[in-house]
């Protein structure tokens, strides 16, 4: 188990760091303190009279300018974070990194329990944590 844990971590550490950074950037943009848009700015973003979103499309109005310098990159950060910028292979890699995170969690607990049991059988310090 330890061998798999180490070898898979070499590859997936890079992917998980990328996913973590893009996720953090996404939330920096979303949570950035910004002023409320003016009534004129909101009115300028309204769709023209009689506009109907075509069936099967997701029509969302553009975001009003709130003074956030990173707001223009929100969609890019979301697509990078989800892997959709890399096409199907990007999405597969991001999905595999999520499964790898689950594997690392389970295998890490497994290895810890094995070490703990080995220490217990050898009569070394009894406790959940040791130096």
C-alpha atoms as a PDB file:
ATOM      1  CA  UNK A   1       0.000   0.000   0.000  1.00  0.00           C
ATOM      2  CA  UNK A   2       2.830   2.377   0.863  1.00  0.00           C
ATOM      3  CA  UNK A   3       4.413   1.860  -2.573  1.00  0.00           C
ATOM      4  CA  UNK A   4       1.154   2.781  -4.360  1.00  0.00           C
ATOM      5  CA  UNK A   5       0.637   5.718  -2.026  1.00  0.00           C
ATOM      6  CA  UNK A   6       4.074   7.125  -2.856  1.00  0.00           C
ATOM      7  CA  UNK A   7       4.034   6.570  -6.623  1.00  0.00           C
ATOM      8  CA  UNK A   8       0.546   7.915  -7.201  1.00  0.00           C
ATOM      9  CA  UNK A   9       1.287  10.962  -5.072  1.00  0.00           C
ATOM     10  CA  UNK A  10       4.127  11.977  -7.410  1.00  0.00           C
ATOM     11  CA  UNK A  11       1.713  12.497 -10.309  1.00  0.00           C
ATOM     12  CA  UNK A  12      -1.446  13.558  -8.527  1.00  0.00           C
ATOM     13  CA  UNK A  13       0.244  16.073  -6.235  1.00  0.00           C
ATOM     14  CA  UNK A  14       0.801  18.350  -9.227  1.00  0.00           C
ATOM     15  CA  UNK A  15      -2.798  17.970 -10.393  1.00  0.00           C
ATOM     16  CA  UNK A  16      -4.219  18.498  -6.892  1.00  0.00           C
ATOM     17  CA  UNK A  17      -2.112  21.614  -6.354  1.00  0.00           C
ATOM     18  CA  UNK A  18      -3.415  22.977  -9.683  1.00  0.00           C
ATOM     19  CA  UNK A  19      -7.028  22.189  -8.746  1.00  0.00           C
ATOM     20  CA  UNK A  20      -6.526  23.751  -5.306  1.00  0.00           C
ATOM     21  CA  UNK A  21      -5.016  26.967  -6.688  1.00  0.00           C
ATOM     22  CA  UNK A  22      -7.707  27.414  -9.346  1.00  0.00           C
ATOM     23  CA  UNK A  23     -10.430  26.712  -6.772  1.00  0.00           C
ATOM     24  CA  UNK A  24      -8.953  29.291  -4.403  1.00  0.00           C
ATOM     25  CA  UNK A  25      -8.670  31.853  -7.213  1.00  0.00           C
ATOM     26  CA  UNK A  26     -12.302  31.204  -8.110  1.00  0.00           C
ATOM     27  CA  UNK A  27     -13.404  31.995  -4.571  1.00  0.00           C
ATOM     28  CA  UNK A  28     -11.108  35.006  -4.304  1.00  0.00           C
ATOM     29  CA  UNK A  29     -12.994  36.458  -7.268  1.00  0.00           C
ATOM     30  CA  UNK A  30     -16.421  35.517  -5.888  1.00  0.00           C
ATOM     31  CA  UNK A  31     -15.779  36.770  -2.353  1.00  0.00           C
ATOM     32  CA  UNK A  32     -13.805  39.894  -3.310  1.00  0.00           C
ATOM     33  CA  UNK A  33     -15.346  42.850  -1.489  1.00  0.00           C
ATOM     34  CA  UNK A  34     -16.993  45.020  -4.082  1.00  0.00           C
ATOM     35  CA  UNK A  35     -19.406  47.891  -4.270  1.00  0.00           C
ATOM     36  CA  UNK A  36     -23.003  47.308  -5.271  1.00  0.00           C
ATOM     37  CA  UNK A  37     -23.605  48.162  -8.934  1.00  0.00           C
ATOM     38  CA  UNK A  38     -25.547  51.306  -9.668  1.00  0.00           C
ATOM     39  CA  UNK A  39     -29.105  51.226 -10.989  1.00  0.00           C
ATOM     40  CA  UNK A  40     -27.861  52.532 -14.345  1.00  0.00           C
ATOM     41  CA  UNK A  41     -25.310  49.725 -14.616  1.00  0.00           C
ATOM     42  CA  UNK A  42     -27.964  47.098 -13.865  1.00  0.00           C
ATOM     43  CA  UNK A  43     -30.382  48.650 -16.379  1.00  0.00           C
ATOM     44  CA  UNK A  44     -27.685  48.569 -19.079  1.00  0.00           C
ATOM     45  CA  UNK A  45     -27.302  44.818 -18.548  1.00  0.00           C
ATOM     46  CA  UNK A  46     -30.994  44.024 -19.011  1.00  0.00           C
ATOM     47  CA  UNK A  47     -31.854  42.042 -22.171  1.00  0.00           C
ATOM     48  CA  UNK A  48     -33.733  43.843 -24.910  1.00  0.00           C
ATOM     49  CA  UNK A  49     -37.525  43.792 -24.841  1.00  0.00           C
ATOM     50  CA  UNK A  50     -38.946  40.590 -26.297  1.00  0.00           C
ATOM     51  CA  UNK A  51     -35.722  38.593 -25.863  1.00  0.00           C
ATOM     52  CA  UNK A  52     -36.261  34.899 -25.199  1.00  0.00           C
ATOM     53  CA  UNK A  53     -33.448  32.506 -24.419  1.00  0.00           C
ATOM     54  CA  UNK A  54     -33.306  29.771 -27.094  1.00  0.00           C
ATOM     55  CA  UNK A  55     -34.248  26.300 -25.925  1.00  0.00           C
ATOM     56  CA  UNK A  56     -31.272  24.318 -24.681  1.00  0.00           C
ATOM     57  CA  UNK A  57     -29.169  27.426 -24.036  1.00  0.00           C
ATOM     58  CA  UNK A  58     -28.195  28.771 -20.670  1.00  0.00           C
ATOM     59  CA  UNK A  59     -28.631  32.513 -20.965  1.00  0.00           C
ATOM     60  CA  UNK A  60     -27.158  34.508 -18.137  1.00  0.00           C
ATOM     61  CA  UNK A  61     -26.770  38.259 -18.145  1.00  0.00           C
ATOM     62  CA  UNK A  62     -23.255  39.647 -17.938  1.00  0.00           C
ATOM     63  CA  UNK A  63     -22.036  40.496 -14.469  1.00  0.00           C
ATOM     64  CA  UNK A  64     -22.125  44.171 -13.573  1.00  0.00           C
ATOM     65  CA  UNK A  65     -18.805  45.926 -13.027  1.00  0.00           C
ATOM     66  CA  UNK A  66     -18.200  46.025  -9.284  1.00  0.00           C
ATOM     67  CA  UNK A  67     -14.599  47.200  -9.306  1.00  0.00           C
ATOM     68  CA  UNK A  68     -13.164  43.709  -8.859  1.00  0.00           C
ATOM     69  CA  UNK A  69     -10.016  43.518 -11.037  1.00  0.00           C
ATOM     70  CA  UNK A  70     -10.267  39.720 -11.295  1.00  0.00           C
ATOM     71  CA  UNK A  71     -13.977  39.495 -12.144  1.00  0.00           C
ATOM     72  CA  UNK A  72     -13.252  39.077 -15.839  1.00  0.00           C
ATOM     73  CA  UNK A  73     -11.390  35.838 -15.050  1.00  0.00           C
ATOM     74  CA  UNK A  74     -14.175  34.147 -13.043  1.00  0.00           C
ATOM     75  CA  UNK A  75     -15.292  31.921 -15.922  1.00  0.00           C
ATOM     76  CA  UNK A  76     -11.707  31.010 -16.789  1.00  0.00           C
ATOM     77  CA  UNK A  77     -10.917  30.001 -13.195  1.00  0.00           C
ATOM     78  CA  UNK A  78     -14.080  27.908 -13.049  1.00  0.00           C
ATOM     79  CA  UNK A  79     -13.270  26.109 -16.303  1.00  0.00           C
ATOM     80  CA  UNK A  80      -9.651  25.505 -15.265  1.00  0.00           C
ATOM     81  CA  UNK A  81     -10.779  24.201 -11.873  1.00  0.00           C
ATOM     82  CA  UNK A  82     -13.291  21.788 -13.389  1.00  0.00           C
ATOM     83  CA  UNK A  83     -10.870  20.628 -16.089  1.00  0.00           C
ATOM     84  CA  UNK A  84     -13.230  21.573 -18.905  1.00  0.00           C
ATOM     85  CA  UNK A  85     -10.573  23.815 -20.516  1.00  0.00           C
ATOM     86  CA  UNK A  86      -8.605  20.628 -21.219  1.00  0.00           C
ATOM     87  CA  UNK A  87     -11.504  18.932 -22.968  1.00  0.00           C
ATOM     88  CA  UNK A  88     -12.521  15.416 -22.032  1.00  0.00           C
ATOM     89  CA  UNK A  89      -8.965  14.539 -20.960  1.00  0.00           C
ATOM     90  CA  UNK A  90      -8.829  17.507 -18.594  1.00  0.00           C
ATOM     91  CA  UNK A  91     -12.104  16.447 -17.006  1.00  0.00           C
ATOM     92  CA  UNK A  92     -10.900  12.848 -16.683  1.00  0.00           C
ATOM     93  CA  UNK A  93      -7.660  13.966 -14.994  1.00  0.00           C
ATOM     94  CA  UNK A  94      -9.549  16.196 -12.548  1.00  0.00           C
ATOM     95  CA  UNK A  95     -11.982  13.351 -11.787  1.00  0.00           C
ATOM     96  CA  UNK A  96      -9.075  10.957 -11.237  1.00  0.00           C
ATOM     97  CA  UNK A  97      -7.416  13.463  -8.915  1.00  0.00           C
ATOM     98  CA  UNK A  98     -10.597  13.494  -6.830  1.00  0.00           C
ATOM     99  CA  UNK A  99     -10.535   9.700  -6.687  1.00  0.00           C
ATOM    100  CA  UNK A 100      -6.823   9.851  -5.846  1.00  0.00           C
ATOM    101  CA  UNK A 101      -7.602  12.153  -2.926  1.00  0.00           C
ATOM    102  CA  UNK A 102     -10.023   9.534  -1.630  1.00  0.00           C
ATOM    103  CA  UNK A 103      -7.390   6.810  -2.146  1.00  0.00           C
ATOM    104  CA  UNK A 104      -4.720   8.842  -0.328  1.00  0.00           C
ATOM    105  CA  UNK A 105      -7.050   9.433   2.594  1.00  0.00           C
ATOM    106  CA  UNK A 106      -7.954   5.754   2.958  1.00  0.00           C
ATOM    107  CA  UNK A 107      -4.440   4.436   2.341  1.00  0.00           C
ATOM    108  CA  UNK A 108      -2.940   6.991   4.736  1.00  0.00           C
ATOM    109  CA  UNK A 109      -5.308   5.897   7.500  1.00  0.00           C
ATOM    110  CA  UNK A 110      -4.606   2.248   6.636  1.00  0.00           C
ATOM    111  CA  UNK A 111      -0.830   2.767   6.898  1.00  0.00           C
ATOM    112  CA  UNK A 112      -1.187   4.691  10.157  1.00  0.00           C
ATOM    113  CA  UNK A 113      -3.309   1.940  11.725  1.00  0.00           C
ATOM    114  CA  UNK A 114      -0.746  -0.678  10.629  1.00  0.00           C
ATOM    115  CA  UNK A 115       2.121   1.328  12.154  1.00  0.00           C
ATOM    116  CA  UNK A 116       0.103   1.865  15.333  1.00  0.00           C
ATOM    117  CA  UNK A 117      -0.645  -1.854  15.625  1.00  0.00           C
ATOM    118  CA  UNK A 118       3.017  -2.732  15.024  1.00  0.00           C
ATOM    119  CA  UNK A 119       4.116  -0.341  17.768  1.00  0.00           C
ATOM    120  CA  UNK A 120       1.478  -1.756  20.095  1.00  0.00           C
ATOM    121  CA  UNK A 121       2.598  -5.360  19.531  1.00  0.00           C
ATOM    122  CA  UNK A 122       6.245  -4.399  20.115  1.00  0.00           C
ATOM    123  CA  UNK A 123       5.304  -2.706  23.388  1.00  0.00           C
ATOM    124  CA  UNK A 124       6.423   0.753  22.333  1.00  0.00           C
ATOM    125  CA  UNK A 125       4.657   3.905  23.464  1.00  0.00           C
ATOM    126  CA  UNK A 126       0.976   3.362  23.839  1.00  0.00           C
ATOM    127  CA  UNK A 127      -1.069   6.165  22.405  1.00  0.00           C
ATOM    128  CA  UNK A 128      -2.417   7.394  19.117  1.00  0.00           C
ATOM    129  CA  UNK A 129       0.508   9.776  18.487  1.00  0.00           C
ATOM    130  CA  UNK A 130       4.239   9.332  19.003  1.00  0.00           C
ATOM    131  CA  UNK A 131       7.457  11.173  18.290  1.00  0.00           C
END
